[in-house]
């Protein structure tokens, strides 16, 4: 049962990742692109953790935590950049 549910979740996350990728490429403003990149990183973390649950191995959990932390720091840095008028 877990394998089926995890496969469905992975499929849905991949569809959401494709939507984020489209927004990164076609986003009208830099803020849209930043939010889409943050969402894509969150989806990648969710994909990694879903794979961990599906396989029963938690070997990739530190990688997921690292990606989440780097995504947070990058989003904050880009938000400060936008706030100071860097993308005008």
PDB file of N, CA and C in Angstrom:
ATOM      1  N   UNK A   1       0.826  -1.204   0.000  1.00  0.00           N
ATOM      2  CA  UNK A   1       0.000   0.000   0.000  1.00  0.00           C
ATOM      3  C   UNK A   1       0.863   1.258   0.000  1.00  0.00           C
ATOM      4  N   UNK A   2       1.945   1.248   0.781  1.00  0.00           N
ATOM      5  CA  UNK A   2       2.821   2.422   0.851  1.00  0.00           C
ATOM      6  C   UNK A   2       3.446   2.701  -0.514  1.00  0.00           C
ATOM      7  N   UNK A   3       3.818   1.643  -1.229  1.00  0.00           N
ATOM      8  CA  UNK A   3       4.455   1.837  -2.530  1.00  0.00           C
ATOM      9  C   UNK A   3       3.518   2.519  -3.516  1.00  0.00           C
ATOM     10  N   UNK A   4       2.254   2.137  -3.493  1.00  0.00           N
ATOM     11  CA  UNK A   4       1.275   2.726  -4.410  1.00  0.00           C
ATOM     12  C   UNK A   4       1.042   4.194  -4.068  1.00  0.00           C
ATOM     13  N   UNK A   5       0.863   4.477  -2.794  1.00  0.00           N
ATOM     14  CA  UNK A   5       0.614   5.855  -2.368  1.00  0.00           C
ATOM     15  C   UNK A   5       1.828   6.731  -2.677  1.00  0.00           C
ATOM     16  N   UNK A   6       3.023   6.220  -2.396  1.00  0.00           N
ATOM     17  CA  UNK A   6       4.231   6.993  -2.673  1.00  0.00           C
ATOM     18  C   UNK A   6       4.410   7.232  -4.166  1.00  0.00           C
ATOM     19  N   UNK A   7       4.069   6.255  -4.979  1.00  0.00           N
ATOM     20  CA  UNK A   7       4.164   6.441  -6.435  1.00  0.00           C
ATOM     21  C   UNK A   7       3.199   7.529  -6.913  1.00  0.00           C
ATOM     22  N   UNK A   8       1.994   7.547  -6.366  1.00  0.00           N
ATOM     23  CA  UNK A   8       1.027   8.580  -6.725  1.00  0.00           C
ATOM     24  C   UNK A   8       1.508   9.948  -6.265  1.00  0.00           C
ATOM     25  N   UNK A   9       2.046  10.018  -5.060  1.00  0.00           N
ATOM     26  CA  UNK A   9       2.555  11.290  -4.532  1.00  0.00           C
ATOM     27  C   UNK A   9       3.713  11.796  -5.376  1.00  0.00           C
ATOM     28  N   UNK A  10       4.618  10.908  -5.764  1.00  0.00           N
ATOM     29  CA  UNK A  10       5.749  11.312  -6.610  1.00  0.00           C
ATOM     30  C   UNK A  10       5.253  11.844  -7.949  1.00  0.00           C
ATOM     31  N   UNK A  11       4.260  11.190  -8.528  1.00  0.00           N
ATOM     32  CA  UNK A  11       3.702  11.654  -9.801  1.00  0.00           C
ATOM     33  C   UNK A  11       3.085  13.050  -9.666  1.00  0.00           C
ATOM     34  N   UNK A  12       2.333  13.272  -8.603  1.00  0.00           N
ATOM     35  CA  UNK A  12       1.709  14.579  -8.380  1.00  0.00           C
ATOM     36  C   UNK A  12       2.776  15.649  -8.140  1.00  0.00           C
ATOM     37  N   UNK A  13       3.822  15.303  -7.377  1.00  0.00           N
ATOM     38  CA  UNK A  13       4.899  16.264  -7.132  1.00  0.00           C
ATOM     39  C   UNK A  13       5.652  16.606  -8.413  1.00  0.00           C
ATOM     40  N   UNK A  14       5.826  15.639  -9.296  1.00  0.00           N
ATOM     41  CA  UNK A  14       6.493  15.919 -10.566  1.00  0.00           C
ATOM     42  C   UNK A  14       5.660  16.862 -11.437  1.00  0.00           C
ATOM     43  N   UNK A  15       4.349  16.690 -11.413  1.00  0.00           N
ATOM     44  CA  UNK A  15       3.480  17.608 -12.151  1.00  0.00           C
ATOM     45  C   UNK A  15       3.586  19.017 -11.563  1.00  0.00           C
ATOM     46  N   UNK A  16       3.607  19.115 -10.238  1.00  0.00           N
ATOM     47  CA  UNK A  16       3.749  20.420  -9.591  1.00  0.00           C
ATOM     48  C   UNK A  16       5.107  21.040  -9.898  1.00  0.00           C
ATOM     49  N   UNK A  17       6.150  20.213  -9.959  1.00  0.00           N
ATOM     50  CA  UNK A  17       7.480  20.719 -10.294  1.00  0.00           C
ATOM     51  C   UNK A  17       7.504  21.277 -11.713  1.00  0.00           C
ATOM     52  N   UNK A  18       6.826  20.618 -12.635  1.00  0.00           N
ATOM     53  CA  UNK A  18       6.746  21.129 -14.011  1.00  0.00           C
ATOM     54  C   UNK A  18       6.046  22.487 -14.045  1.00  0.00           C
ATOM     55  N   UNK A  19       4.998  22.644 -13.245  1.00  0.00           N
ATOM     56  CA  UNK A  19       4.317  23.935 -13.164  1.00  0.00           C
ATOM     57  C   UNK A  19       5.224  25.021 -12.617  1.00  0.00           C
ATOM     58  N   UNK A  20       6.025  24.689 -11.626  1.00  0.00           N
ATOM     59  CA  UNK A  20       6.975  25.660 -11.073  1.00  0.00           C
ATOM     60  C   UNK A  20       8.037  26.024 -12.097  1.00  0.00           C
ATOM     61  N   UNK A  21       8.495  25.039 -12.849  1.00  0.00           N
ATOM     62  CA  UNK A  21       9.500  25.306 -13.872  1.00  0.00           C
ATOM     63  C   UNK A  21       8.959  26.253 -14.933  1.00  0.00           C
ATOM     64  N   UNK A  22       7.711  26.065 -15.310  1.00  0.00           N
ATOM     65  CA  UNK A  22       7.088  26.971 -16.285  1.00  0.00           C
ATOM     66  C   UNK A  22       7.033  28.386 -15.728  1.00  0.00           C
ATOM     67  N   UNK A  23       6.698  28.522 -14.454  1.00  0.00           N
ATOM     68  CA  UNK A  23       6.626  29.849 -13.839  1.00  0.00           C
ATOM     69  C   UNK A  23       8.009  30.484 -13.742  1.00  0.00           C
ATOM     70  N   UNK A  24       9.043  29.684 -13.512  1.00  0.00           N
ATOM     71  CA  UNK A  24      10.405  30.232 -13.471  1.00  0.00           C
ATOM     72  C   UNK A  24      10.785  30.778 -14.847  1.00  0.00           C
ATOM     73  N   UNK A  25      10.449  30.066 -15.882  1.00  0.00           N
ATOM     74  CA  UNK A  25      10.823  30.491 -17.232  1.00  0.00           C
ATOM     75  C   UNK A  25       9.962  31.655 -17.708  1.00  0.00           C
ATOM     76  N   UNK A  26       8.659  31.608 -17.465  1.00  0.00           N
ATOM     77  CA  UNK A  26       7.743  32.601 -18.020  1.00  0.00           C
ATOM     78  C   UNK A  26       7.318  33.685 -17.025  1.00  0.00           C
ATOM     79  N   UNK A  27       7.804  33.611 -15.798  1.00  0.00           N
ATOM     80  CA  UNK A  27       7.368  34.568 -14.778  1.00  0.00           C
ATOM     81  C   UNK A  27       7.563  36.004 -15.222  1.00  0.00           C
ATOM     82  N   UNK A  28       6.548  36.832 -15.077  1.00  0.00           N
ATOM     83  CA  UNK A  28       6.682  38.206 -15.563  1.00  0.00           C
ATOM     84  C   UNK A  28       7.622  39.062 -14.711  1.00  0.00           C
ATOM     85  N   UNK A  29       7.756  38.752 -13.428  1.00  0.00           N
ATOM     86  CA  UNK A  29       8.617  39.569 -12.577  1.00  0.00           C
ATOM     87  C   UNK A  29       9.637  38.679 -11.870  1.00  0.00           C
ATOM     88  N   UNK A  30      10.634  39.324 -11.303  1.00  0.00           N
ATOM     89  CA  UNK A  30      11.656  38.590 -10.563  1.00  0.00           C
ATOM     90  C   UNK A  30      11.067  37.955  -9.302  1.00  0.00           C
ATOM     91  N   UNK A  31      10.119  38.624  -8.681  1.00  0.00           N
ATOM     92  CA  UNK A  31       9.492  38.064  -7.484  1.00  0.00           C
ATOM     93  C   UNK A  31       8.767  36.753  -7.800  1.00  0.00           C
ATOM     94  N   UNK A  32       8.091  36.688  -8.946  1.00  0.00           N
ATOM     95  CA  UNK A  32       7.430  35.448  -9.358  1.00  0.00           C
ATOM     96  C   UNK A  32       8.438  34.329  -9.540  1.00  0.00           C
ATOM     97  N   UNK A  33       9.571  34.654 -10.128  1.00  0.00           N
ATOM     98  CA  UNK A  33      10.608  33.643 -10.348  1.00  0.00           C
ATOM     99  C   UNK A  33      11.215  33.164  -9.030  1.00  0.00           C
ATOM    100  N   UNK A  34      11.417  34.073  -8.098  1.00  0.00           N
ATOM    101  CA  UNK A  34      11.983  33.706  -6.800  1.00  0.00           C
ATOM    102  C   UNK A  34      11.030  32.781  -6.051  1.00  0.00           C
ATOM    103  N   UNK A  35       9.761  33.113  -6.043  1.00  0.00           N
ATOM    104  CA  UNK A  35       8.772  32.275  -5.366  1.00  0.00           C
ATOM    105  C   UNK A  35       8.681  30.906  -6.041  1.00  0.00           C
ATOM    106  N   UNK A  36       8.736  30.879  -7.358  1.00  0.00           N
ATOM    107  CA  UNK A  36       8.683  29.606  -8.073  1.00  0.00           C
ATOM    108  C   UNK A  36       9.923  28.757  -7.792  1.00  0.00           C
ATOM    109  N   UNK A  37      11.088  29.370  -7.697  1.00  0.00           N
ATOM    110  CA  UNK A  37      12.292  28.616  -7.362  1.00  0.00           C
ATOM    111  C   UNK A  37      12.232  28.067  -5.941  1.00  0.00           C
ATOM    112  N   UNK A  38      11.701  28.849  -5.024  1.00  0.00           N
ATOM    113  CA  UNK A  38      11.549  28.370  -3.658  1.00  0.00           C
ATOM    114  C   UNK A  38      10.570  27.198  -3.607  1.00  0.00           C
ATOM    115  N   UNK A  39       9.493  27.303  -4.347  1.00  0.00           N
ATOM    116  CA  UNK A  39       8.522  26.216  -4.395  1.00  0.00           C
ATOM    117  C   UNK A  39       9.129  24.975  -5.042  1.00  0.00           C
ATOM    118  N   UNK A  40       9.925  25.159  -6.085  1.00  0.00           N
ATOM    119  CA  UNK A  40      10.576  24.020  -6.728  1.00  0.00           C
ATOM    120  C   UNK A  40      11.532  23.323  -5.766  1.00  0.00           C
ATOM    121  N   UNK A  41      12.257  24.090  -4.972  1.00  0.00           N
ATOM    122  CA  UNK A  41      13.154  23.484  -3.980  1.00  0.00           C
ATOM    123  C   UNK A  41      12.355  22.718  -2.928  1.00  0.00           C
ATOM    124  N   UNK A  42      11.225  23.252  -2.530  1.00  0.00           N
ATOM    125  CA  UNK A  42      10.369  22.560  -1.570  1.00  0.00           C
ATOM    126  C   UNK A  42       9.837  21.257  -2.153  1.00  0.00           C
ATOM    127  N   UNK A  43       9.496  21.279  -3.421  1.00  0.00           N
ATOM    128  CA  UNK A  43       9.014  20.073  -4.082  1.00  0.00           C
ATOM    129  C   UNK A  43      10.131  19.038  -4.187  1.00  0.00           C
ATOM    130  N   UNK A  44      11.349  19.476  -4.461  1.00  0.00           N
ATOM    131  CA  UNK A  44      12.479  18.546  -4.518  1.00  0.00           C
ATOM    132  C   UNK A  44      12.697  17.898  -3.151  1.00  0.00           C
ATOM    133  N   UNK A  45      12.596  18.676  -2.090  1.00  0.00           N
ATOM    134  CA  UNK A  45      12.721  18.118  -0.739  1.00  0.00           C
ATOM    135  C   UNK A  45      11.614  17.095  -0.491  1.00  0.00           C
ATOM    136  N   UNK A  46      10.404  17.416  -0.904  1.00  0.00           N
ATOM    137  CA  UNK A  46       9.292  16.477  -0.730  1.00  0.00           C
ATOM    138  C   UNK A  46       9.505  15.208  -1.549  1.00  0.00           C
ATOM    139  N   UNK A  47      10.059  15.337  -2.756  1.00  0.00           N
ATOM    140  CA  UNK A  47      10.364  14.160  -3.570  1.00  0.00           C
ATOM    141  C   UNK A  47      11.408  13.274  -2.901  1.00  0.00           C
ATOM    142  N   UNK A  48      12.448  13.898  -2.365  1.00  0.00           N
ATOM    143  CA  UNK A  48      13.495  13.120  -1.694  1.00  0.00           C
ATOM    144  C   UNK A  48      12.926  12.385  -0.482  1.00  0.00           C
ATOM    145  N   UNK A  49      12.137  13.082   0.311  1.00  0.00           N
ATOM    146  CA  UNK A  49      11.576  12.453   1.505  1.00  0.00           C
ATOM    147  C   UNK A  49      10.549  11.378   1.167  1.00  0.00           C
ATOM    148  N   UNK A  50       9.797  11.562   0.106  1.00  0.00           N
ATOM    149  CA  UNK A  50       8.862  10.534  -0.339  1.00  0.00           C
ATOM    150  C   UNK A  50       9.617   9.294  -0.802  1.00  0.00           C
ATOM    151  N   UNK A  51      10.713   9.505  -1.487  1.00  0.00           N
ATOM    152  CA  UNK A  51      11.543   8.369  -1.908  1.00  0.00           C
ATOM    153  C   UNK A  51      12.112   7.635  -0.685  1.00  0.00           C
ATOM    154  N   UNK A  52      12.502   8.390   0.328  1.00  0.00           N
ATOM    155  CA  UNK A  52      13.006   7.771   1.558  1.00  0.00           C
ATOM    156  C   UNK A  52      11.940   6.900   2.216  1.00  0.00           C
ATOM    157  N   UNK A  53      10.720   7.387   2.259  1.00  0.00           N
ATOM    158  CA  UNK A  53       9.631   6.609   2.843  1.00  0.00           C
ATOM    159  C   UNK A  53       9.350   5.374   1.993  1.00  0.00           C
ATOM    160  N   UNK A  54       9.374   5.543   0.687  1.00  0.00           N
ATOM    161  CA  UNK A  54       9.076   4.438  -0.216  1.00  0.00           C
ATOM    162  C   UNK A  54      10.133   3.342  -0.129  1.00  0.00           C
ATOM    163  N   UNK A  55      11.392   3.733  -0.044  1.00  0.00           N
ATOM    164  CA  UNK A  55      12.468   2.740  -0.021  1.00  0.00           C
ATOM    165  C   UNK A  55      12.767   2.231   1.387  1.00  0.00           C
ATOM    166  N   UNK A  56      12.325   2.942   2.402  1.00  0.00           N
ATOM    167  CA  UNK A  56      12.594   2.534   3.768  1.00  0.00           C
ATOM    168  C   UNK A  56      13.974   2.917   4.256  1.00  0.00           C
ATOM    169  N   UNK A  57      14.711   3.631   3.444  1.00  0.00           N
ATOM    170  CA  UNK A  57      16.055   4.069   3.809  1.00  0.00           C
ATOM    171  C   UNK A  57      16.044   5.577   4.013  1.00  0.00           C
ATOM    172  N   UNK A  58      16.633   6.019   5.094  1.00  0.00           N
ATOM    173  CA  UNK A  58      16.658   7.443   5.386  1.00  0.00           C
ATOM    174  C   UNK A  58      18.039   8.028   5.130  1.00  0.00           C
ATOM    175  N   UNK A  59      18.711   7.483   4.137  1.00  0.00           N
ATOM    176  CA  UNK A  59      20.065   7.898   3.789  1.00  0.00           C
ATOM    177  C   UNK A  59      20.096   9.312   3.218  1.00  0.00           C
ATOM    178  N   UNK A  60      19.048   9.740   2.539  1.00  0.00           N
ATOM    179  CA  UNK A  60      19.031  11.033   1.857  1.00  0.00           C
ATOM    180  C   UNK A  60      18.410  12.163   2.672  1.00  0.00           C
ATOM    181  N   UNK A  61      18.018  11.901   3.905  1.00  0.00           N
ATOM    182  CA  UNK A  61      17.399  12.937   4.733  1.00  0.00           C
ATOM    183  C   UNK A  61      18.343  14.119   4.972  1.00  0.00           C
ATOM    184  N   UNK A  62      19.631  13.909   5.251  1.00  0.00           N
ATOM    185  CA  UNK A  62      20.517  15.080   5.398  1.00  0.00           C
ATOM    186  C   UNK A  62      20.609  15.926   4.126  1.00  0.00           C
ATOM    187  N   UNK A  63      20.537  15.292   2.975  1.00  0.00           N
ATOM    188  CA  UNK A  63      20.541  16.051   1.717  1.00  0.00           C
ATOM    189  C   UNK A  63      19.276  16.897   1.601  1.00  0.00           C
ATOM    190  N   UNK A  64      18.145  16.347   1.993  1.00  0.00           N
ATOM    191  CA  UNK A  64      16.892  17.102   1.945  1.00  0.00           C
ATOM    192  C   UNK A  64      16.940  18.291   2.900  1.00  0.00           C
ATOM    193  N   UNK A  65      17.510  18.083   4.078  1.00  0.00           N
ATOM    194  CA  UNK A  65      17.634  19.186   5.037  1.00  0.00           C
ATOM    195  C   UNK A  65      18.567  20.263   4.496  1.00  0.00           C
ATOM    196  N   UNK A  66      19.647  19.849   3.875  1.00  0.00           N
ATOM    197  CA  UNK A  66      20.591  20.817   3.303  1.00  0.00           C
ATOM    198  C   UNK A  66      19.951  21.632   2.183  1.00  0.00           C
ATOM    199  N   UNK A  67      19.205  20.971   1.327  1.00  0.00           N
ATOM    200  CA  UNK A  67      18.524  21.681   0.240  1.00  0.00           C
ATOM    201  C   UNK A  67      17.511  22.672   0.805  1.00  0.00           C
ATOM    202  N   UNK A  68      16.778  22.273   1.827  1.00  0.00           N
ATOM    203  CA  UNK A  68      15.790  23.178   2.439  1.00  0.00           C
ATOM    204  C   UNK A  68      16.464  24.398   3.051  1.00  0.00           C
ATOM    205  N   UNK A  69      17.584  24.195   3.731  1.00  0.00           N
ATOM    206  CA  UNK A  69      18.287  25.323   4.341  1.00  0.00           C
ATOM    207  C   UNK A  69      18.871  26.261   3.290  1.00  0.00           C
ATOM    208  N   UNK A  70      19.478  25.705   2.256  1.00  0.00           N
ATOM    209  CA  UNK A  70      20.031  26.543   1.191  1.00  0.00           C
ATOM    210  C   UNK A  70      18.935  27.300   0.455  1.00  0.00           C
ATOM    211  N   UNK A  71      17.805  26.662   0.262  1.00  0.00           N
ATOM    212  CA  UNK A  71      16.687  27.330  -0.392  1.00  0.00           C
ATOM    213  C   UNK A  71      16.186  28.499   0.447  1.00  0.00           C
ATOM    214  N   UNK A  72      16.093  28.301   1.752  1.00  0.00           N
ATOM    215  CA  UNK A  72      15.641  29.367   2.635  1.00  0.00           C
ATOM    216  C   UNK A  72      16.600  30.548   2.597  1.00  0.00           C
ATOM    217  N   UNK A  73      17.885  30.267   2.712  1.00  0.00           N
ATOM    218  CA  UNK A  73      18.886  31.343   2.702  1.00  0.00           C
ATOM    219  C   UNK A  73      18.872  32.070   1.355  1.00  0.00           C
ATOM    220  N   UNK A  74      18.757  31.332   0.270  1.00  0.00           N
ATOM    221  CA  UNK A  74      18.705  31.957  -1.054  1.00  0.00           C
ATOM    222  C   UNK A  74      17.473  32.817  -1.249  1.00  0.00           C
ATOM    223  N   UNK A  75      16.348  32.356  -0.756  1.00  0.00           N
ATOM    224  CA  UNK A  75      15.114  33.135  -0.875  1.00  0.00           C
ATOM    225  C   UNK A  75      15.202  34.419  -0.067  1.00  0.00           C
ATOM    226  N   UNK A  76      15.746  34.334   1.130  1.00  0.00           N
ATOM    227  CA  UNK A  76      15.904  35.534   1.947  1.00  0.00           C
ATOM    228  C   UNK A  76      16.863  36.518   1.288  1.00  0.00           C
ATOM    229  N   UNK A  77      17.957  36.012   0.739  1.00  0.00           N
ATOM    230  CA  UNK A  77      18.921  36.888   0.065  1.00  0.00           C
ATOM    231  C   UNK A  77      18.297  37.575  -1.148  1.00  0.00           C
ATOM    232  N   UNK A  78      17.537  36.839  -1.941  1.00  0.00           N
ATOM    233  CA  UNK A  78      16.893  37.447  -3.102  1.00  0.00           C
ATOM    234  C   UNK A  78      15.789  38.417  -2.696  1.00  0.00           C
ATOM    235  N   UNK A  79      15.104  38.141  -1.594  1.00  0.00           N
ATOM    236  CA  UNK A  79      14.086  39.075  -1.112  1.00  0.00           C
ATOM    237  C   UNK A  79      14.721  40.391  -0.674  1.00  0.00           C
ATOM    238  N   UNK A  80      15.862  40.311  -0.019  1.00  0.00           N
ATOM    239  CA  UNK A  80      16.567  41.539   0.378  1.00  0.00           C
ATOM    240  C   UNK A  80      17.049  42.283  -0.850  1.00  0.00           C
ATOM    241  N   UNK A  81      17.527  41.558  -1.855  1.00  0.00           N
ATOM    242  CA  UNK A  81      17.969  42.167  -3.104  1.00  0.00           C
ATOM    243  C   UNK A  81      16.822  42.900  -3.794  1.00  0.00           C
ATOM    244  N   UNK A  82      15.664  42.267  -3.850  1.00  0.00           N
ATOM    245  CA  UNK A  82      14.503  42.899  -4.480  1.00  0.00           C
ATOM    246  C   UNK A  82      14.046  44.112  -3.664  1.00  0.00           C
ATOM    247  N   UNK A  83      14.071  43.991  -2.344  1.00  0.00           N
ATOM    248  CA  UNK A  83      13.613  45.085  -1.488  1.00  0.00           C
ATOM    249  C   UNK A  83      14.488  46.332  -1.655  1.00  0.00           C
ATOM    250  N   UNK A  84      15.756  46.132  -1.872  1.00  0.00           N
ATOM    251  CA  UNK A  84      16.670  47.278  -2.024  1.00  0.00           C
ATOM    252  C   UNK A  84      16.637  47.863  -3.435  1.00  0.00           C
ATOM    253  N   UNK A  85      15.786  47.335  -4.282  1.00  0.00           N
ATOM    254  CA  UNK A  85      15.613  47.909  -5.606  1.00  0.00           C
ATOM    255  C   UNK A  85      16.566  47.367  -6.643  1.00  0.00           C
ATOM    256  N   UNK A  86      17.084  46.204  -6.436  1.00  0.00           N
ATOM    257  CA  UNK A  86      18.044  45.619  -7.362  1.00  0.00           C
ATOM    258  C   UNK A  86      17.413  45.130  -8.653  1.00  0.00           C
ATOM    259  N   UNK A  87      16.137  44.912  -8.667  1.00  0.00           N
ATOM    260  CA  UNK A  87      15.492  44.367  -9.859  1.00  0.00           C
ATOM    261  C   UNK A  87      14.542  45.372 -10.500  1.00  0.00           C
ATOM    262  N   UNK A  88      14.899  46.613 -10.491  1.00  0.00           N
ATOM    263  CA  UNK A  88      13.977  47.604 -11.051  1.00  0.00           C
ATOM    264  C   UNK A  88      14.344  48.015 -12.431  1.00  0.00           C
TER     265      UNK A  88
END
